[in-house]
Amino acid sequence: MQKEHRLAKREDFNRVYRRGKSAANLQFVLYYLPQKESGPFRLGVSVSKKLGNAVVRNGIRRRMKEIIRLGGEDLLPGLDIVIIARKPVAEMDYEEMKKSLYHVMKRSGVLKEKKRNQSSARP
């Protein structure tokens, strides 16, 4: 993940937790907060020790970041986002994780609106 898309400081995480809004499903909790200055979205990922040892947690974190990196153009700019993985994520494969992550992002409203194809619309 590029540096301008990282949320790394503890204060930033705490600000998003305190002032931000949240959405959740069984696998993920997503907190989001608009930034003071508009810019690219910034992402922070949290994976608890309850999910497994360091190897398991880092694998989960890498898959989550890769899903966001590949679908980053779908996210609204100017948001700070923190995603927390819940216990069921440990048994999920990449495609299941992607589907669940997009579900919680769509539910929270952090995804850009998809424009309808005008040519297929009926008069």
Protein backbone atom coordinates (compact mmCIF):
# COMPACT_ATOMS: atom_id res chain seq x y z
CA MET A 1 0.00 0.00 0.00
CA GLN A 2 1.37 3.42 -0.95
CA LYS A 3 2.46 5.71 1.84
CA GLU A 4 -0.24 8.34 1.25
CA HIS A 5 -2.88 5.62 1.73
CA ARG A 6 -1.61 4.49 5.16
CA LEU A 7 -3.08 5.31 8.50
CA ALA A 8 -0.23 4.59 10.89
CA LYS A 9 -0.29 6.83 13.97
CA ARG A 10 -2.06 5.79 17.15
CA GLU A 11 -3.69 9.24 17.41
CA ASP A 12 -5.20 8.83 13.94
CA PHE A 13 -6.66 5.42 14.82
CA ASN A 14 -8.08 6.79 18.09
CA ARG A 15 -9.59 9.82 16.32
CA VAL A 16 -11.37 7.55 13.82
CA TYR A 17 -12.63 5.29 16.63
CA ARG A 18 -13.92 8.23 18.73
CA ARG A 19 -15.38 10.55 16.10
CA GLY A 20 -16.05 8.24 13.19
CA LYS A 21 -19.07 6.23 12.16
CA SER A 22 -19.07 2.45 11.93
CA ALA A 23 -20.62 -0.42 10.03
CA ALA A 24 -20.17 -4.12 10.60
CA ASN A 25 -20.96 -7.61 9.43
CA LEU A 26 -19.99 -10.94 11.00
CA GLN A 27 -16.39 -10.79 9.71
CA PHE A 28 -15.38 -7.10 9.79
CA VAL A 29 -15.99 -3.83 11.60
CA LEU A 30 -15.31 -0.70 9.55
CA TYR A 31 -14.86 2.77 11.07
CA TYR A 32 -14.67 5.83 8.80
CA LEU A 33 -14.20 9.55 9.28
CA PRO A 34 -13.89 12.38 6.71
CA GLN A 35 -10.44 14.03 6.75
CA LYS A 36 -10.01 17.75 7.47
CA GLU A 37 -8.20 18.28 4.16
CA SER A 38 -9.47 16.31 1.23
CA GLY A 39 -6.94 13.93 -0.21
CA PRO A 40 -6.65 10.23 -0.93
CA PHE A 41 -8.31 7.79 1.46
CA ARG A 42 -6.13 6.48 4.28
CA LEU A 43 -6.50 2.93 5.59
CA GLY A 44 -5.61 1.28 8.88
CA VAL A 45 -6.02 -2.44 9.56
CA SER A 46 -6.35 -4.11 12.95
CA VAL A 47 -6.11 -7.87 13.53
CA SER A 48 -6.37 -9.11 17.11
CA LYS A 49 -4.16 -11.77 18.69
CA LYS A 50 -7.35 -13.76 19.20
CA LEU A 51 -7.27 -14.65 15.50
CA GLY A 52 -4.01 -16.59 15.67
CA ASN A 53 -0.26 -16.31 15.84
CA ALA A 54 1.79 -13.66 14.02
CA VAL A 55 1.94 -15.67 10.79
CA VAL A 56 -1.85 -16.00 10.63
CA ARG A 57 -2.45 -12.35 11.57
CA ASN A 58 0.03 -11.03 9.01
CA GLY A 59 -1.53 -13.20 6.31
CA ILE A 60 -4.98 -11.80 7.11
CA ARG A 61 -3.61 -8.24 7.16
CA ARG A 62 -1.85 -8.69 3.81
CA ARG A 63 -4.95 -10.13 2.13
CA MET A 64 -7.11 -7.28 3.45
CA LYS A 65 -4.65 -4.63 2.24
CA GLU A 66 -4.35 -6.32 -1.16
CA ILE A 67 -8.14 -6.32 -1.59
CA ILE A 68 -8.23 -2.59 -0.79
CA ARG A 69 -5.21 -1.86 -3.01
CA LEU A 70 -6.78 -3.57 -6.02
CA GLY A 71 -10.19 -1.95 -5.41
CA GLY A 72 -8.93 1.41 -4.16
CA GLU A 73 -10.42 3.34 -7.05
CA ASP A 74 -13.88 2.29 -5.76
CA LEU A 75 -13.35 4.08 -2.41
CA LEU A 76 -14.37 7.68 -1.82
CA PRO A 77 -11.41 10.04 -1.44
CA GLY A 78 -10.88 12.07 1.72
CA LEU A 79 -11.76 9.35 4.24
CA ASP A 80 -9.79 7.80 7.09
CA ILE A 81 -10.83 4.15 7.32
CA VAL A 82 -10.02 1.55 9.99
CA ILE A 83 -10.99 -2.08 9.38
CA ILE A 84 -11.01 -4.58 12.24
CA ALA A 85 -11.02 -8.30 11.46
CA ARG A 86 -13.24 -10.55 13.56
CA LYS A 87 -12.68 -14.20 14.42
CA PRO A 88 -14.43 -15.85 11.40
CA VAL A 89 -11.90 -14.18 9.05
CA ALA A 90 -9.21 -16.66 10.13
CA GLU A 91 -10.93 -19.51 8.20
CA MET A 92 -11.82 -17.49 5.08
CA ASP A 93 -10.08 -17.67 1.73
CA TYR A 94 -9.29 -14.63 -0.42
CA GLU A 95 -12.54 -14.57 -2.43
CA GLU A 96 -14.77 -14.95 0.64
CA MET A 97 -12.81 -12.21 2.39
CA LYS A 98 -13.14 -9.93 -0.63
CA LYS A 99 -16.90 -10.46 -0.84
CA SER A 100 -17.37 -9.82 2.88
CA LEU A 101 -15.12 -6.74 2.88
CA TYR A 102 -16.99 -5.22 -0.07
CA HIS A 103 -20.26 -5.97 1.70
CA VAL A 104 -19.27 -3.99 4.79
CA MET A 105 -17.81 -1.14 2.66
CA LYS A 106 -21.02 -0.92 0.64
CA ARG A 107 -23.06 -1.00 3.82
CA SER A 108 -21.07 1.89 5.32
CA GLY A 109 -21.31 4.06 2.19
CA VAL A 110 -17.56 4.47 1.61
CA LEU A 111 -17.76 3.12 -1.96
CA LYS A 112 -18.28 5.43 -4.91
CA GLU A 113 -21.63 5.25 -6.65
CA LYS A 114 -21.44 3.19 -9.81
CA LYS A 115 -22.78 5.01 -12.84
CA ARG A 116 -25.37 3.21 -14.86
CA ASN A 117 -24.65 2.41 -18.47
CA GLN A 118 -26.73 4.94 -20.39
CA SER A 119 -26.83 2.88 -23.59
CA SER A 120 -28.75 0.04 -21.94
CA ALA A 121 -31.39 2.34 -20.42
CA ARG A 122 -34.79 2.24 -22.04
CA PRO A 123 -36.39 5.43 -23.36
